[in-house]
Amino acid sequence: MDAMTVIQFDMRCSPECPDSQEARYQACLEMVRWGDRNGIAVAGFSEHHNTEDGFLSSPMMLAMAAAQATSQIRLSVSALLLPLHDPIRIAEDIAVLDLVSGGRFMAVAGLGYRECEYQTFGVDWQRRGKIMDEKLQVVLQAWQGEPFVHNGVSAVLNPVPARPPRALLCIGGNSAAAARRAARFGLFFVPP
């Protein structure tokens, strides 16, 4: 296999699909296990919410299941719609995924492009870039493993990830603003 072979899962389903959601998710994990045994480099999971086609809404959970089902294949969430999530929870989840996967996990944080997702989560679409920056700052600060103040409360992340932030998180997007964001935070930029 080519060292850069990627299998990507978004779990969308046609209305005509005869398979149950459970069967499709189990098939996904079986394909990831097959990829692990056959030299596939990366299994990727995408995120969207409030869709009619069953798009994967919980990619971190599926990545965790894949981490437990495999031993070699790298795992990626691309894109993780960071403005829609609590940054402490994301820092915790990525830290645990890093430890459980033996350093095989990374995420590409993105803004997304669907205003209805922001409405669903009560997040201001007009401020999405600023919200992304604020949440990135919290995630990166949490990964330092030192106490810091978040929402007026002293917080400390435990456990912390084994690898440095640049190995865990990249910035996705197709704009100059996304590239500048990656540079400001010292993270790799991953255009589509």
N, C-alpha and C. Protein backbone atom coordinates (compact mmCIF):
# COMPACT_ATOMS: atom_id res chain seq x y z
N MET A 1 0.84 -1.19 0.00
CA MET A 1 0.00 0.00 0.00
C MET A 1 0.88 1.25 0.00
N ASP A 2 0.35 2.28 -0.62
CA ASP A 2 0.98 3.59 -0.59
C ASP A 2 0.97 4.10 0.85
N ALA A 3 2.08 4.66 1.32
CA ALA A 3 2.19 5.12 2.70
C ALA A 3 1.20 6.23 3.02
N MET A 4 0.61 6.86 2.04
CA MET A 4 -0.31 7.96 2.29
C MET A 4 -1.76 7.58 2.00
N THR A 5 -2.08 6.32 1.94
CA THR A 5 -3.44 5.90 1.69
C THR A 5 -4.33 6.22 2.89
N VAL A 6 -5.45 6.87 2.60
CA VAL A 6 -6.38 7.31 3.65
C VAL A 6 -7.76 6.75 3.35
N ILE A 7 -8.43 6.27 4.39
CA ILE A 7 -9.85 5.96 4.28
C ILE A 7 -10.59 6.96 5.16
N GLN A 8 -11.62 7.56 4.61
CA GLN A 8 -12.34 8.64 5.29
C GLN A 8 -13.80 8.22 5.48
N PHE A 9 -14.31 8.47 6.66
CA PHE A 9 -15.69 8.10 6.99
C PHE A 9 -16.48 9.32 7.41
N ASP A 10 -17.64 9.51 6.79
CA ASP A 10 -18.56 10.57 7.24
C ASP A 10 -19.91 9.99 7.63
N MET A 11 -20.12 8.73 7.35
CA MET A 11 -21.28 7.95 7.76
C MET A 11 -22.61 8.41 7.13
N ARG A 12 -22.53 9.21 6.07
CA ARG A 12 -23.77 9.60 5.40
C ARG A 12 -24.45 8.37 4.82
N CYS A 13 -25.76 8.45 4.69
CA CYS A 13 -26.53 7.29 4.25
C CYS A 13 -27.66 7.74 3.33
N SER A 14 -27.76 7.09 2.21
CA SER A 14 -28.86 7.34 1.29
C SER A 14 -30.16 6.83 1.90
N PRO A 15 -31.28 7.49 1.61
CA PRO A 15 -32.57 6.99 2.12
C PRO A 15 -32.88 5.57 1.64
N GLU A 16 -32.29 5.16 0.53
CA GLU A 16 -32.53 3.82 -0.01
C GLU A 16 -31.64 2.75 0.62
N CYS A 17 -30.70 3.13 1.49
CA CYS A 17 -29.78 2.16 2.09
C CYS A 17 -30.57 1.20 2.97
N PRO A 18 -30.42 -0.12 2.73
CA PRO A 18 -31.17 -1.09 3.53
C PRO A 18 -30.54 -1.39 4.89
N ASP A 19 -29.31 -0.96 5.11
CA ASP A 19 -28.60 -1.28 6.34
C ASP A 19 -29.01 -0.37 7.49
N SER A 20 -29.02 -0.91 8.69
CA SER A 20 -29.31 -0.11 9.88
C SER A 20 -28.09 0.76 10.20
N GLN A 21 -28.33 1.79 11.00
CA GLN A 21 -27.20 2.61 11.44
C GLN A 21 -26.19 1.76 12.22
N GLU A 22 -26.67 0.88 13.07
CA GLU A 22 -25.77 0.02 13.82
C GLU A 22 -24.90 -0.81 12.88
N ALA A 23 -25.49 -1.38 11.85
CA ALA A 23 -24.73 -2.19 10.90
C ALA A 23 -23.69 -1.35 10.17
N ARG A 24 -24.04 -0.11 9.83
CA ARG A 24 -23.09 0.75 9.12
C ARG A 24 -21.91 1.14 10.02
N TYR A 25 -22.18 1.42 11.28
CA TYR A 25 -21.09 1.77 12.20
C TYR A 25 -20.19 0.57 12.47
N GLN A 26 -20.79 -0.61 12.61
CA GLN A 26 -19.98 -1.82 12.79
C GLN A 26 -19.13 -2.09 11.54
N ALA A 27 -19.72 -1.86 10.35
CA ALA A 27 -18.97 -2.04 9.10
C ALA A 27 -17.81 -1.05 9.02
N CYS A 28 -18.03 0.18 9.48
CA CYS A 28 -16.96 1.17 9.52
C CYS A 28 -15.79 0.66 10.35
N LEU A 29 -16.08 0.16 11.53
CA LEU A 29 -15.01 -0.35 12.39
C LEU A 29 -14.31 -1.55 11.77
N GLU A 30 -15.06 -2.39 11.09
CA GLU A 30 -14.44 -3.53 10.40
C GLU A 30 -13.52 -3.05 9.28
N MET A 31 -13.93 -2.02 8.55
CA MET A 31 -13.07 -1.46 7.50
C MET A 31 -11.80 -0.85 8.09
N VAL A 32 -11.92 -0.20 9.23
CA VAL A 32 -10.74 0.37 9.88
C VAL A 32 -9.81 -0.75 10.33
N ARG A 33 -10.36 -1.82 10.88
CA ARG A 33 -9.53 -2.98 11.27
C ARG A 33 -8.83 -3.57 10.05
N TRP A 34 -9.56 -3.67 8.92
CA TRP A 34 -8.96 -4.17 7.68
C TRP A 34 -7.82 -3.25 7.25
N GLY A 35 -8.06 -1.93 7.31
CA GLY A 35 -7.02 -0.97 6.96
C GLY A 35 -5.79 -1.11 7.84
N ASP A 36 -6.00 -1.36 9.11
CA ASP A 36 -4.91 -1.54 10.06
C ASP A 36 -4.05 -2.75 9.68
N ARG A 37 -4.71 -3.82 9.23
CA ARG A 37 -3.99 -5.05 8.86
C ARG A 37 -3.35 -4.96 7.48
N ASN A 38 -3.81 -4.01 6.65
CA ASN A 38 -3.38 -3.99 5.25
C ASN A 38 -2.63 -2.72 4.84
N GLY A 39 -2.06 -2.03 5.79
CA GLY A 39 -1.14 -0.94 5.47
C GLY A 39 -1.77 0.40 5.12
N ILE A 40 -3.05 0.58 5.40
CA ILE A 40 -3.65 1.90 5.19
C ILE A 40 -3.02 2.85 6.21
N ALA A 41 -2.65 4.05 5.79
CA ALA A 41 -1.92 4.97 6.66
C ALA A 41 -2.83 5.65 7.69
N VAL A 42 -4.00 6.11 7.24
CA VAL A 42 -4.85 6.93 8.11
C VAL A 42 -6.31 6.55 7.92
N ALA A 43 -7.04 6.48 9.03
CA ALA A 43 -8.51 6.41 9.00
C ALA A 43 -8.99 7.75 9.52
N GLY A 44 -9.77 8.44 8.70
CA GLY A 44 -10.26 9.76 9.06
C GLY A 44 -11.76 9.76 9.31
N PHE A 45 -12.18 10.65 10.20
CA PHE A 45 -13.59 10.78 10.55
C PHE A 45 -13.97 12.25 10.47
N SER A 46 -15.08 12.54 9.84
CA SER A 46 -15.54 13.92 9.64
C SER A 46 -16.67 14.24 10.61
N GLU A 47 -16.97 15.53 10.74
CA GLU A 47 -18.02 15.96 11.68
C GLU A 47 -18.97 16.96 11.03
N HIS A 48 -20.25 16.69 11.19
CA HIS A 48 -21.32 17.67 10.90
C HIS A 48 -22.51 17.34 11.79
N HIS A 49 -23.35 18.32 11.98
CA HIS A 49 -24.51 18.18 12.86
C HIS A 49 -25.76 18.66 12.14
N ASN A 50 -26.91 18.20 12.65
CA ASN A 50 -28.20 18.65 12.13
C ASN A 50 -28.32 18.38 10.64
N THR A 51 -28.06 17.14 10.26
CA THR A 51 -28.15 16.75 8.86
C THR A 51 -29.26 15.74 8.67
N GLU A 52 -29.74 15.63 7.47
CA GLU A 52 -30.77 14.64 7.15
C GLU A 52 -30.19 13.32 6.67
N ASP A 53 -28.90 13.33 6.32
CA ASP A 53 -28.30 12.13 5.73
C ASP A 53 -27.48 11.30 6.71
N GLY A 54 -27.57 11.59 8.00
CA GLY A 54 -26.87 10.79 8.99
C GLY A 54 -25.39 11.06 9.12
N PHE A 55 -24.94 12.24 8.68
CA PHE A 55 -23.52 12.59 8.76
C PHE A 55 -23.03 12.38 10.19
N LEU A 56 -21.82 11.91 10.33
CA LEU A 56 -21.22 11.60 11.62
C LEU A 56 -21.20 12.83 12.52
N SER A 57 -21.85 12.76 13.65
CA SER A 57 -21.92 13.90 14.57
C SER A 57 -20.98 13.74 15.76
N SER A 58 -20.41 12.57 15.95
CA SER A 58 -19.55 12.33 17.10
C SER A 58 -18.25 11.63 16.67
N PRO A 59 -17.42 12.34 15.91
CA PRO A 59 -16.22 11.69 15.37
C PRO A 59 -15.20 11.29 16.42
N MET A 60 -15.15 12.01 17.54
CA MET A 60 -14.18 11.66 18.58
C MET A 60 -14.52 10.29 19.18
N MET A 61 -15.80 10.02 19.36
CA MET A 61 -16.22 8.72 19.89
C MET A 61 -15.87 7.59 18.92
N LEU A 62 -16.11 7.82 17.64
CA LEU A 62 -15.79 6.78 16.65
C LEU A 62 -14.29 6.59 16.54
N ALA A 63 -13.52 7.67 16.65
CA ALA A 63 -12.06 7.55 16.64
C ALA A 63 -11.58 6.75 17.85
N MET A 64 -12.20 6.95 18.99
CA MET A 64 -11.83 6.18 20.19
C MET A 64 -12.12 4.69 19.98
N ALA A 65 -13.28 4.39 19.40
CA ALA A 65 -13.60 2.99 19.12
C ALA A 65 -12.58 2.40 18.14
N ALA A 66 -12.20 3.17 17.14
CA ALA A 66 -11.21 2.71 16.16
C ALA A 66 -9.85 2.52 16.82
N ALA A 67 -9.50 3.39 17.76
CA ALA A 67 -8.22 3.25 18.47
C ALA A 67 -8.16 1.92 19.21
N GLN A 68 -9.27 1.53 19.80
CA GLN A 68 -9.32 0.28 20.54
C GLN A 68 -9.34 -0.94 19.63
N ALA A 69 -9.77 -0.76 18.41
CA ALA A 69 -9.91 -1.88 17.48
C ALA A 69 -8.66 -2.09 16.62
N THR A 70 -7.67 -1.21 16.75
CA THR A 70 -6.50 -1.24 15.87
C THR A 70 -5.22 -1.06 16.67
N SER A 71 -4.08 -1.22 15.97
CA SER A 71 -2.80 -1.03 16.65
C SER A 71 -1.79 -0.21 15.85
N GLN A 72 -2.05 0.02 14.56
CA GLN A 72 -1.05 0.70 13.74
C GLN A 72 -1.58 1.91 12.98
N ILE A 73 -2.76 1.81 12.44
CA ILE A 73 -3.30 2.86 11.59
C ILE A 73 -3.42 4.17 12.38
N ARG A 74 -3.06 5.28 11.75
CA ARG A 74 -3.22 6.58 12.38
C ARG A 74 -4.69 6.99 12.27
N LEU A 75 -5.16 7.78 13.23
CA LEU A 75 -6.56 8.17 13.29
C LEU A 75 -6.65 9.69 13.29
N SER A 76 -7.63 10.19 12.55
CA SER A 76 -7.76 11.64 12.42
C SER A 76 -9.22 12.05 12.42
N VAL A 77 -9.51 13.16 13.08
CA VAL A 77 -10.81 13.81 12.95
C VAL A 77 -10.55 15.06 12.12
N SER A 78 -11.21 15.12 10.99
CA SER A 78 -10.99 16.23 10.06
C SER A 78 -12.28 16.52 9.32
N ALA A 79 -12.92 17.54 9.66
CA ALA A 79 -12.51 18.57 10.60
C ALA A 79 -13.32 18.47 11.88
N LEU A 80 -12.65 18.82 12.96
CA LEU A 80 -13.28 18.96 14.26
C LEU A 80 -13.80 20.40 14.34
N LEU A 81 -15.08 20.56 14.43
CA LEU A 81 -15.69 21.90 14.40
C LEU A 81 -15.59 22.52 15.79
N LEU A 82 -14.40 23.00 16.11
CA LEU A 82 -14.08 23.45 17.46
C LEU A 82 -15.02 24.51 18.02
N PRO A 83 -15.47 25.49 17.25
CA PRO A 83 -16.37 26.48 17.85
C PRO A 83 -17.67 25.90 18.42
N LEU A 84 -18.03 24.70 18.02
CA LEU A 84 -19.27 24.08 18.49
C LEU A 84 -19.08 23.27 19.77
N HIS A 85 -17.86 23.20 20.27
CA HIS A 85 -17.55 22.33 21.42
C HIS A 85 -17.01 23.12 22.59
N ASP A 86 -17.14 22.53 23.78
CA ASP A 86 -16.49 23.07 24.96
C ASP A 86 -14.99 22.79 24.85
N PRO A 87 -14.14 23.80 24.97
CA PRO A 87 -12.70 23.59 24.75
C PRO A 87 -12.03 22.71 25.80
N ILE A 88 -12.51 22.75 27.04
CA ILE A 88 -11.92 21.87 28.07
C ILE A 88 -12.24 20.42 27.74
N ARG A 89 -13.48 20.14 27.36
CA ARG A 89 -13.86 18.77 26.99
C ARG A 89 -13.03 18.29 25.80
N ILE A 90 -12.83 19.14 24.81
CA ILE A 90 -12.03 18.75 23.63
C ILE A 90 -10.58 18.48 24.05
N ALA A 91 -10.02 19.34 24.89
CA ALA A 91 -8.65 19.12 25.37
C ALA A 91 -8.54 17.79 26.10
N GLU A 92 -9.53 17.50 26.94
CA GLU A 92 -9.55 16.22 27.67
C GLU A 92 -9.68 15.04 26.72
N ASP A 93 -10.62 15.14 25.79
CA ASP A 93 -10.86 14.02 24.87
C ASP A 93 -9.64 13.74 24.00
N ILE A 94 -9.01 14.79 23.48
CA ILE A 94 -7.83 14.58 22.64
C ILE A 94 -6.69 14.02 23.47
N ALA A 95 -6.52 14.48 24.70
CA ALA A 95 -5.47 13.95 25.57
C ALA A 95 -5.67 12.44 25.79
N VAL A 96 -6.89 12.05 26.08
CA VAL A 96 -7.17 10.62 26.31
C VAL A 96 -6.98 9.83 25.02
N LEU A 97 -7.45 10.36 23.90
CA LEU A 97 -7.24 9.67 22.63
C LEU A 97 -5.76 9.52 22.31
N ASP A 98 -4.96 10.53 22.61
CA ASP A 98 -3.53 10.45 22.39
C ASP A 98 -2.93 9.30 23.21
N LEU A 99 -3.32 9.22 24.46
CA LEU A 99 -2.78 8.18 25.33
C LEU A 99 -3.28 6.78 24.96
N VAL A 100 -4.57 6.65 24.72
CA VAL A 100 -5.15 5.34 24.39
C VAL A 100 -4.66 4.82 23.05
N SER A 101 -4.48 5.71 22.09
CA SER A 101 -4.06 5.29 20.74
C SER A 101 -2.56 5.08 20.63
N GLY A 102 -1.82 5.38 21.66
CA GLY A 102 -0.36 5.26 21.58
C GLY A 102 0.23 6.28 20.63
N GLY A 103 -0.35 7.47 20.59
CA GLY A 103 0.17 8.54 19.74
C GLY A 103 -0.25 8.46 18.29
N ARG A 104 -1.34 7.80 18.01
CA ARG A 104 -1.79 7.65 16.61
C ARG A 104 -2.91 8.62 16.24
N PHE A 105 -3.32 9.50 17.14
CA PHE A 105 -4.47 10.38 16.87
C PHE A 105 -4.04 11.82 16.64
N MET A 106 -4.75 12.49 15.74
CA MET A 106 -4.63 13.94 15.57
C MET A 106 -5.94 14.47 15.03
N ALA A 107 -6.15 15.77 15.26
CA ALA A 107 -7.38 16.41 14.80
C ALA A 107 -7.02 17.65 13.98
N VAL A 108 -7.86 17.93 13.02
CA VAL A 108 -7.77 19.17 12.24
C VAL A 108 -8.96 20.02 12.66
N ALA A 109 -8.69 21.13 13.34
CA ALA A 109 -9.75 22.01 13.80
C ALA A 109 -10.18 22.93 12.67
N GLY A 110 -11.48 23.04 12.49
CA GLY A 110 -12.01 23.91 11.45
C GLY A 110 -13.25 24.64 11.93
N LEU A 111 -13.62 25.66 11.16
CA LEU A 111 -14.80 26.45 11.48
C LEU A 111 -16.08 25.81 10.98
N GLY A 112 -16.00 25.04 9.92
CA GLY A 112 -17.21 24.54 9.27
C GLY A 112 -17.75 25.60 8.34
N TYR A 113 -18.83 25.27 7.66
CA TYR A 113 -19.39 26.18 6.66
C TYR A 113 -20.91 26.21 6.67
N ARG A 114 -21.52 25.61 7.72
CA ARG A 114 -22.98 25.53 7.76
C ARG A 114 -23.51 26.33 8.96
N GLU A 115 -24.16 27.44 8.67
CA GLU A 115 -24.69 28.30 9.72
C GLU A 115 -25.69 27.56 10.61
N CYS A 116 -26.44 26.62 10.04
CA CYS A 116 -27.44 25.91 10.85
C CYS A 116 -26.81 25.12 11.98
N GLU A 117 -25.57 24.66 11.82
CA GLU A 117 -24.89 23.96 12.90
C GLU A 117 -24.64 24.90 14.08
N TYR A 118 -24.23 26.11 13.77
CA TYR A 118 -24.00 27.11 14.82
C TYR A 118 -25.31 27.44 15.53
N GLN A 119 -26.38 27.57 14.75
CA GLN A 119 -27.69 27.84 15.35
C GLN A 119 -28.11 26.69 16.27
N THR A 120 -27.88 25.46 15.85
CA THR A 120 -28.24 24.29 16.64
C THR A 120 -27.57 24.31 18.01
N PHE A 121 -26.32 24.75 18.05
CA PHE A 121 -25.56 24.76 19.30
C PHE A 121 -25.59 26.12 20.02
N GLY A 122 -26.32 27.07 19.46
CA GLY A 122 -26.42 28.38 20.09
C GLY A 122 -25.12 29.17 20.05
N VAL A 123 -24.33 28.97 19.00
CA VAL A 123 -23.05 29.66 18.84
C VAL A 123 -23.20 30.73 17.76
N ASP A 124 -22.68 31.91 18.04
CA ASP A 124 -22.80 33.06 17.15
C ASP A 124 -22.00 32.86 15.86
N TRP A 125 -22.69 32.67 14.76
CA TRP A 125 -22.08 32.47 13.44
C TRP A 125 -21.20 33.66 13.05
N GLN A 126 -21.63 34.86 13.37
CA GLN A 126 -20.90 36.07 12.98
C GLN A 126 -19.56 36.18 13.71
N ARG A 127 -19.44 35.56 14.87
CA ARG A 127 -18.22 35.63 15.68
C ARG A 127 -17.40 34.34 15.61
N ARG A 128 -17.68 33.48 14.63
CA ARG A 128 -17.07 32.15 14.63
C ARG A 128 -15.54 32.17 14.62
N GLY A 129 -14.91 33.10 13.90
CA GLY A 129 -13.45 33.18 13.89
C GLY A 129 -12.90 33.54 15.26
N LYS A 130 -13.50 34.52 15.90
CA LYS A 130 -13.06 34.93 17.24
C LYS A 130 -13.30 33.81 18.25
N ILE A 131 -14.43 33.14 18.13
CA ILE A 131 -14.74 32.00 19.02
C ILE A 131 -13.72 30.89 18.83
N MET A 132 -13.37 30.62 17.59
CA MET A 132 -12.36 29.60 17.29
C MET A 132 -11.04 29.96 17.98
N ASP A 133 -10.62 31.21 17.85
CA ASP A 133 -9.36 31.64 18.47
C ASP A 133 -9.42 31.48 19.99
N GLU A 134 -10.52 31.89 20.60
CA GLU A 134 -10.66 31.78 22.05
C GLU A 134 -10.59 30.32 22.50
N LYS A 135 -11.26 29.44 21.79
CA LYS A 135 -11.28 28.03 22.18
C LYS A 135 -9.94 27.35 21.91
N LEU A 136 -9.27 27.72 20.83
CA LEU A 136 -7.93 27.20 20.58
C LEU A 136 -6.99 27.57 21.72
N GLN A 137 -7.09 28.81 22.17
CA GLN A 137 -6.23 29.27 23.27
C GLN A 137 -6.46 28.42 24.52
N VAL A 138 -7.71 28.13 24.83
CA VAL A 138 -8.02 27.33 26.02
C VAL A 138 -7.47 25.91 25.86
N VAL A 139 -7.67 25.29 24.71
CA VAL A 139 -7.18 23.92 24.48
C VAL A 139 -5.67 23.88 24.66
N LEU A 140 -4.97 24.79 24.03
CA LEU A 140 -3.51 24.80 24.11
C LEU A 140 -3.02 25.08 25.53
N GLN A 141 -3.69 25.98 26.22
CA GLN A 141 -3.32 26.28 27.60
C GLN A 141 -3.57 25.06 28.50
N ALA A 142 -4.68 24.39 28.29
CA ALA A 142 -5.00 23.21 29.10
C ALA A 142 -3.95 22.12 28.92
N TRP A 143 -3.46 21.92 27.71
CA TRP A 143 -2.48 20.88 27.45
C TRP A 143 -1.14 21.12 28.12
N GLN A 144 -0.90 22.32 28.65
CA GLN A 144 0.35 22.57 29.36
C GLN A 144 0.39 21.85 30.70
N GLY A 145 -0.78 21.43 31.20
CA GLY A 145 -0.83 20.67 32.44
C GLY A 145 -0.65 21.50 33.69
N GLU A 146 -0.68 22.81 33.56
CA GLU A 146 -0.54 23.72 34.70
C GLU A 146 -1.90 24.35 35.01
N PRO A 147 -2.15 24.70 36.26
CA PRO A 147 -3.42 25.36 36.58
C PRO A 147 -3.55 26.69 35.83
N PHE A 148 -4.77 26.97 35.38
CA PHE A 148 -5.08 28.23 34.71
C PHE A 148 -6.53 28.57 35.02
N VAL A 149 -6.89 29.80 34.78
CA VAL A 149 -8.26 30.24 35.07
C VAL A 149 -9.08 30.17 33.78
N HIS A 150 -10.19 29.47 33.89
CA HIS A 150 -11.13 29.35 32.76
C HIS A 150 -12.53 29.58 33.31
N ASN A 151 -13.26 30.51 32.71
CA ASN A 151 -14.60 30.86 33.18
C ASN A 151 -14.62 31.21 34.67
N GLY A 152 -13.54 31.87 35.11
CA GLY A 152 -13.48 32.32 36.50
C GLY A 152 -13.14 31.24 37.51
N VAL A 153 -12.77 30.05 37.03
CA VAL A 153 -12.47 28.93 37.92
C VAL A 153 -11.07 28.42 37.61
N SER A 154 -10.33 28.06 38.64
CA SER A 154 -9.03 27.45 38.42
C SER A 154 -9.24 26.05 37.84
N ALA A 155 -8.55 25.76 36.76
CA ALA A 155 -8.70 24.47 36.08
C ALA A 155 -7.32 23.89 35.80
N VAL A 156 -7.24 22.58 35.80
CA VAL A 156 -6.02 21.89 35.41
C VAL A 156 -6.43 20.61 34.68
N LEU A 157 -5.79 20.34 33.57
CA LEU A 157 -6.10 19.15 32.78
C LEU A 157 -5.31 17.96 33.30
N ASN A 158 -6.00 16.87 33.51
CA ASN A 158 -5.34 15.65 33.94
C ASN A 158 -6.14 14.47 33.41
N PRO A 159 -5.60 13.65 32.52
CA PRO A 159 -4.20 13.62 32.13
C PRO A 159 -3.91 14.62 31.01
N VAL A 160 -2.64 14.89 30.82
CA VAL A 160 -2.22 15.69 29.69
C VAL A 160 -1.79 14.74 28.58
N PRO A 161 -1.83 15.18 27.33
CA PRO A 161 -1.39 14.31 26.25
C PRO A 161 0.10 14.01 26.33
N ALA A 162 0.50 12.89 25.75
CA ALA A 162 1.91 12.50 25.74
C ALA A 162 2.70 13.29 24.71
N ARG A 163 2.03 13.72 23.65
CA ARG A 163 2.73 14.41 22.56
C ARG A 163 2.46 15.91 22.61
N PRO A 164 3.30 16.70 21.95
CA PRO A 164 3.12 18.16 21.94
C PRO A 164 1.93 18.57 21.06
N PRO A 165 1.41 19.79 21.28
CA PRO A 165 0.24 20.26 20.53
C PRO A 165 0.37 20.14 19.02
N ARG A 166 1.53 20.42 18.45
CA ARG A 166 1.67 20.37 16.99
C ARG A 166 1.49 18.95 16.45
N ALA A 167 1.64 17.95 17.29
CA ALA A 167 1.41 16.56 16.87
C ALA A 167 -0.04 16.15 17.03
N LEU A 168 -0.82 16.95 17.75
CA LEU A 168 -2.19 16.60 18.08
C LEU A 168 -3.24 17.38 17.31
N LEU A 169 -2.91 18.61 16.94
CA LEU A 169 -3.91 19.52 16.42
C LEU A 169 -3.34 20.36 15.30
N CYS A 170 -4.07 20.43 14.19
CA CYS A 170 -3.73 21.29 13.07
C CYS A 170 -4.92 22.22 12.83
N ILE A 171 -4.72 23.22 12.02
CA ILE A 171 -5.80 24.13 11.65
C ILE A 171 -6.16 23.87 10.19
N GLY A 172 -7.44 23.61 9.95
CA GLY A 172 -7.91 23.40 8.60
C GLY A 172 -8.59 24.64 8.06
N GLY A 173 -8.80 24.66 6.78
CA GLY A 173 -9.51 25.76 6.15
C GLY A 173 -8.99 26.03 4.76
N ASN A 174 -9.69 26.90 4.07
CA ASN A 174 -9.27 27.25 2.71
C ASN A 174 -9.21 28.76 2.53
N SER A 175 -8.81 29.45 3.58
CA SER A 175 -8.75 30.91 3.52
C SER A 175 -7.43 31.41 4.08
N ALA A 176 -7.10 32.65 3.72
CA ALA A 176 -5.91 33.28 4.28
C ALA A 176 -6.05 33.42 5.79
N ALA A 177 -7.28 33.69 6.26
CA ALA A 177 -7.51 33.83 7.71
C ALA A 177 -7.18 32.52 8.44
N ALA A 178 -7.53 31.38 7.85
CA ALA A 178 -7.22 30.09 8.47
C ALA A 178 -5.71 29.87 8.52
N ALA A 179 -5.02 30.22 7.45
CA ALA A 179 -3.56 30.08 7.43
C ALA A 179 -2.91 30.99 8.47
N ARG A 180 -3.40 32.21 8.59
CA ARG A 180 -2.88 33.13 9.60
C ARG A 180 -3.15 32.60 11.02
N ARG A 181 -4.32 32.01 11.22
CA ARG A 181 -4.66 31.44 12.53
C ARG A 181 -3.65 30.35 12.89
N ALA A 182 -3.37 29.46 11.95
CA ALA A 182 -2.40 28.39 12.20
C ALA A 182 -1.04 28.99 12.58
N ALA A 183 -0.62 30.01 11.87
CA ALA A 183 0.67 30.65 12.17
C ALA A 183 0.66 31.29 13.56
N ARG A 184 -0.42 32.00 13.89
CA ARG A 184 -0.52 32.65 15.21
C ARG A 184 -0.41 31.66 16.36
N PHE A 185 -1.00 30.49 16.18
CA PHE A 185 -1.01 29.49 17.25
C PHE A 185 0.14 28.49 17.14
N GLY A 186 0.98 28.64 16.14
CA GLY A 186 2.12 27.74 15.98
C GLY A 186 1.73 26.33 15.62
N LEU A 187 0.62 26.18 14.88
CA LEU A 187 0.14 24.87 14.47
C LEU A 187 0.26 24.72 12.95
N PHE A 188 0.29 23.50 12.49
CA PHE A 188 0.34 23.26 11.05
C PHE A 188 -0.99 23.65 10.41
N PHE A 189 -0.91 24.12 9.18
CA PHE A 189 -2.10 24.48 8.39
C PHE A 189 -2.37 23.35 7.41
N VAL A 190 -3.61 22.89 7.38
CA VAL A 190 -4.01 21.78 6.51
C VAL A 190 -5.17 22.25 5.63
N PRO A 191 -4.88 22.75 4.43
CA PRO A 191 -5.97 23.13 3.54
C PRO A 191 -6.67 21.88 3.00
N PRO A 192 -7.90 22.04 2.51
CA PRO A 192 -8.61 20.84 2.00
C PRO A 192 -7.92 20.23 0.79
